[in-house]
Amino acid sequence: MTAAELATAAFTLCNAVRALAYLPQILRIIQDPDGARAISCATWSIFAISHLTTVIYALLAAYDWTMAAVFGANALACATIIGLTLFKRRREQARLAAAI
């Protein structure tokens, strides 16, 4: 195996594992009773956009479907975090409004 192939394998493995690393954040959002106030949707949006641009690069410049799939999964995980956070915040706002 060449150095380039090893680097590609390591890159793919690390980024595939990173897709799993989003799960603890997702679980914390689901369990958060206060509307997920500590989550920055702006930060997660930047991460998602970054992953999506990598998907485009992988498809159009590198012609690498594996890379596109891995970064697509990362973008989907970021979108899940953003969606859950917004859902929790809206639900918390509704709860607070009903208490008034």
Protein backbone atom coordinates (compact mmCIF):
# COMPACT_ATOMS: atom_id res chain seq x y z
CA MET A 1 0.00 0.00 0.00
CA THR A 2 1.39 3.41 -0.96
CA ALA A 3 1.65 6.38 1.37
CA ALA A 4 -1.17 8.09 -0.53
CA GLU A 5 -3.39 5.02 -0.16
CA LEU A 6 -2.62 4.87 3.57
CA ALA A 7 -3.43 8.56 3.93
CA THR A 8 -6.69 8.09 2.05
CA ALA A 9 -7.63 5.09 4.18
CA ALA A 10 -6.84 6.97 7.41
CA PHE A 11 -8.80 10.02 6.21
CA THR A 12 -11.81 7.89 5.32
CA LEU A 13 -11.71 5.92 8.57
CA CYS A 14 -11.35 8.99 10.79
CA ASN A 15 -14.17 10.83 9.06
CA ALA A 16 -16.44 7.77 9.11
CA VAL A 17 -15.87 7.42 12.86
CA ARG A 18 -16.52 11.13 13.25
CA ALA A 19 -20.03 10.56 11.90
CA LEU A 20 -20.63 8.38 14.97
CA ALA A 21 -19.18 11.02 17.27
CA TYR A 22 -22.26 13.17 16.69
CA LEU A 23 -24.46 10.69 18.55
CA PRO A 24 -23.58 11.88 22.09
CA GLN A 25 -24.46 15.47 21.10
CA ILE A 26 -27.75 14.31 19.60
CA LEU A 27 -28.59 12.33 22.73
CA ARG A 28 -27.77 15.31 24.96
CA ILE A 29 -30.11 17.51 22.94
CA ILE A 30 -32.90 14.94 23.18
CA GLN A 31 -32.43 14.68 26.97
CA ASP A 32 -32.03 18.43 27.58
CA PRO A 33 -35.03 19.75 29.54
CA ASP A 34 -34.26 23.45 28.90
CA GLY A 35 -34.56 23.84 25.14
CA ALA A 36 -30.95 22.98 24.23
CA ARG A 37 -29.79 26.51 25.01
CA ALA A 38 -26.10 25.55 25.04
CA ILE A 39 -26.14 24.44 21.39
CA SER A 40 -24.96 26.95 18.78
CA CYS A 41 -27.01 26.56 15.61
CA ALA A 42 -24.64 28.97 13.85
CA THR A 43 -21.65 26.75 14.59
CA TRP A 44 -23.42 23.57 13.53
CA SER A 45 -24.66 25.32 10.38
CA ILE A 46 -21.10 26.24 9.45
CA PHE A 47 -20.05 22.62 10.03
CA ALA A 48 -22.92 21.40 7.84
CA ILE A 49 -22.08 23.83 5.03
CA SER A 50 -18.43 22.82 5.23
CA HIS A 51 -19.38 19.16 4.91
CA LEU A 52 -21.69 19.89 1.99
CA THR A 53 -18.96 21.76 0.14
CA THR A 54 -16.70 18.76 0.68
CA VAL A 55 -19.39 16.52 -0.81
CA ILE A 56 -19.48 18.75 -3.87
CA TYR A 57 -15.68 18.68 -4.09
CA ALA A 58 -15.63 14.90 -3.72
CA LEU A 59 -18.14 14.46 -6.53
CA LEU A 60 -16.98 17.12 -8.98
CA ALA A 61 -13.20 17.30 -8.45
CA ALA A 62 -12.06 14.09 -6.79
CA TYR A 63 -14.70 11.76 -8.29
CA ASP A 64 -14.72 9.97 -4.95
CA TRP A 65 -18.12 8.54 -4.03
CA THR A 66 -16.86 7.18 -0.71
CA MET A 67 -15.63 10.59 0.38
CA ALA A 68 -18.92 12.13 -0.73
CA ALA A 69 -20.90 9.56 1.26
CA VAL A 70 -18.83 10.04 4.42
CA PHE A 71 -19.14 13.82 4.32
CA GLY A 72 -22.79 13.52 3.38
CA ALA A 73 -23.32 11.52 6.57
CA ASN A 74 -21.49 14.20 8.54
CA ALA A 75 -23.67 16.91 6.98
CA LEU A 76 -26.79 14.89 7.80
CA ALA A 77 -25.66 14.54 11.42
CA CYS A 78 -25.12 18.30 11.65
CA ALA A 79 -28.55 18.93 10.14
CA THR A 80 -30.05 16.53 12.69
CA ILE A 81 -28.43 18.47 15.52
CA ILE A 82 -29.74 21.76 14.15
CA GLY A 83 -33.23 20.36 13.61
CA LEU A 84 -33.46 18.82 17.06
CA THR A 85 -32.18 22.00 18.67
CA LEU A 86 -34.73 24.17 16.88
CA PHE A 87 -37.49 21.70 17.77
CA LYS A 88 -36.49 21.71 21.45
CA ARG A 89 -36.28 25.50 21.54
CA ARG A 90 -39.69 25.97 19.96
CA ARG A 91 -41.20 23.46 22.35
CA GLU A 92 -39.58 25.23 25.31
CA GLN A 93 -40.87 28.62 24.09
CA ALA A 94 -44.38 27.21 23.78
CA ARG A 95 -44.15 25.74 27.27
CA LEU A 96 -43.01 29.07 28.73
CA ALA A 97 -45.72 30.98 26.83
CA ALA A 98 -48.39 28.61 28.14
CA ALA A 99 -47.16 29.12 31.71
CA ILE A 100 -47.73 32.89 31.52
